């Protein structure tokens, strides 16, 4: 199964580096520890909603851009991976996912 935290972390690292920022600089902008950014980029941790919004703001991207993994995989594999994750998700997680998808598609 695809680990969304690892993909998100790789994408965050990619955008952070494109902006010419170090982990420490991004951590300072978001007001978290450098170790937190490191854990997020390694896929060990996923950012809290508030930090997700701040990260997007400080990197000058839309939240949806942080989840753009289209250059990494083909659509068929992505759909299968998403379906697997949805099947294993708890109700609380599905509610969060639904909210994030709604925001994504409203702002697309």
Protein backbone atom coordinates (compact mmCIF):
# COMPACT_ATOMS: atom_id res chain seq x y z
CA UNK A 1 0.00 0.00 0.00
CA UNK A 2 1.14 3.52 -0.75
CA UNK A 3 2.06 5.56 2.28
CA UNK A 4 0.57 9.03 1.83
CA UNK A 5 2.82 10.43 4.54
CA UNK A 6 5.94 9.41 2.62
CA UNK A 7 4.62 10.86 -0.65
CA UNK A 8 3.58 14.04 1.08
CA UNK A 9 6.99 14.30 2.70
CA UNK A 10 8.81 13.89 -0.60
CA UNK A 11 6.55 16.48 -2.22
CA UNK A 12 7.08 18.92 0.66
CA UNK A 13 10.84 18.48 0.41
CA UNK A 14 10.69 19.01 -3.35
CA UNK A 15 8.75 22.29 -3.02
CA UNK A 16 10.83 23.49 -0.06
CA UNK A 17 14.04 23.00 -2.04
CA UNK A 18 12.55 24.71 -5.10
CA UNK A 19 11.91 27.71 -2.85
CA UNK A 20 15.53 27.62 -1.69
CA UNK A 21 14.66 26.98 1.95
CA UNK A 22 16.34 24.73 4.47
CA UNK A 23 14.33 22.61 6.88
CA UNK A 24 15.33 25.02 9.65
CA UNK A 25 14.10 28.04 7.69
CA UNK A 26 10.75 26.42 6.93
CA UNK A 27 10.43 25.31 10.55
CA UNK A 28 10.98 28.89 11.70
CA UNK A 29 8.37 30.21 9.27
CA UNK A 30 5.80 27.64 10.45
CA UNK A 31 6.85 27.97 14.12
CA UNK A 32 7.70 24.30 14.64
CA UNK A 33 10.92 22.48 15.49
CA UNK A 34 13.30 21.62 12.66
CA UNK A 35 12.92 17.99 13.73
CA UNK A 36 9.18 18.23 13.00
CA UNK A 37 9.85 19.26 9.39
CA UNK A 38 12.41 16.47 9.13
CA UNK A 39 9.90 13.89 10.41
CA UNK A 40 7.24 15.17 8.00
CA UNK A 41 9.63 15.00 5.04
CA UNK A 42 10.66 11.46 5.96
CA UNK A 43 7.03 10.38 6.17
CA UNK A 44 7.27 9.58 9.88
CA UNK A 45 4.71 12.23 10.76
CA UNK A 46 1.89 14.05 8.97
CA UNK A 47 1.33 17.76 9.68
CA UNK A 48 -1.58 18.96 11.74
CA UNK A 49 -4.27 20.84 9.82
CA UNK A 50 -3.12 24.24 11.10
CA UNK A 51 0.48 23.50 10.17
CA UNK A 52 -0.57 22.19 6.77
CA UNK A 53 -2.22 25.53 6.04
CA UNK A 54 0.83 27.46 7.29
CA UNK A 55 3.23 25.32 5.28
CA UNK A 56 1.26 26.00 2.10
CA UNK A 57 1.08 29.71 2.90
CA UNK A 58 4.79 30.03 3.68
CA UNK A 59 5.78 28.07 0.57
CA UNK A 60 3.36 30.20 -1.48
CA UNK A 61 1.45 27.21 -2.84
CA UNK A 62 -2.11 25.98 -2.57
CA UNK A 63 -2.72 23.09 -0.20
CA UNK A 64 -3.68 20.95 -3.19
CA UNK A 65 -0.19 21.49 -4.65
CA UNK A 66 1.31 19.73 -1.63
CA UNK A 67 -0.72 16.66 -2.62
CA UNK A 68 0.13 16.74 -6.32
CA UNK A 69 1.89 13.43 -6.83
CA UNK A 70 0.79 13.12 -10.47
CA UNK A 71 4.34 13.21 -11.72
CA UNK A 72 5.12 10.16 -9.54
CA UNK A 73 2.59 7.52 -10.59
CA UNK A 74 0.02 6.63 -13.18
CA UNK A 75 -3.70 7.13 -12.59
CA UNK A 76 -4.67 3.45 -12.38
CA UNK A 77 -2.16 2.75 -9.61
CA UNK A 78 -3.11 5.91 -7.75
CA UNK A 79 -6.80 4.99 -7.80
CA UNK A 80 -6.08 1.51 -6.51
CA UNK A 81 -3.90 2.89 -3.73
CA UNK A 82 -6.52 5.47 -2.74
CA UNK A 83 -9.21 2.79 -2.65
CA UNK A 84 -7.04 0.65 -0.36
CA UNK A 85 -6.49 3.56 1.99
CA UNK A 86 -10.19 4.43 2.04
CA UNK A 87 -11.11 0.84 2.83
CA UNK A 88 -8.85 0.86 5.87
CA UNK A 89 -9.69 4.37 7.12
CA UNK A 90 -11.69 5.10 10.25
CA UNK A 91 -14.79 7.30 10.08
CA UNK A 92 -12.89 10.24 11.57
CA UNK A 93 -10.20 9.89 8.90
CA UNK A 94 -12.79 9.67 6.13
CA UNK A 95 -14.43 12.86 7.37
CA UNK A 96 -11.08 14.65 7.23
CA UNK A 97 -10.33 13.24 3.77
CA UNK A 98 -13.77 14.31 2.56
CA UNK A 99 -13.20 17.85 3.85
CA UNK A 100 -9.78 18.05 2.20
CA UNK A 101 -11.12 16.74 -1.12
CA UNK A 102 -14.00 19.20 -1.00
CA UNK A 103 -11.57 22.08 -0.45
CA UNK A 104 -9.33 20.78 -3.22
CA UNK A 105 -12.08 20.52 -5.83
CA UNK A 106 -13.73 23.80 -4.85
CA UNK A 107 -10.44 25.64 -5.37
CA UNK A 108 -9.33 23.82 -8.51
